[in-house]
Amino acid sequence: MHDKNILNNKKELDFYIPDLNLAIECNGIYWHSDKLRDITYHYNKTKECNEQNITLLHIWEDQFNNNLE
């Protein structure tokens, strides 16, 4: 479930499981690179989740692809 309401309508969470206070981000290498995102983007998103007692897991495209082999 995509949800922009959790982080003050600023940032989207790819998956959010309220019963577990768990969010999961699927980060593509290109769209989440330093060329397109501020260098602190992922840190700040994690920090905002932590402030709301939400654990945020980041899964990177290359990690996922490497595990398929």
Foldseek 3Di string as FASTA:
>chain_A
DWDCVLQPNPDIFPDADVVVLETEAEAEPVCPDVVNDPPCVVVVVQVSSVVVVHHYHYHYPVNVVVVVD
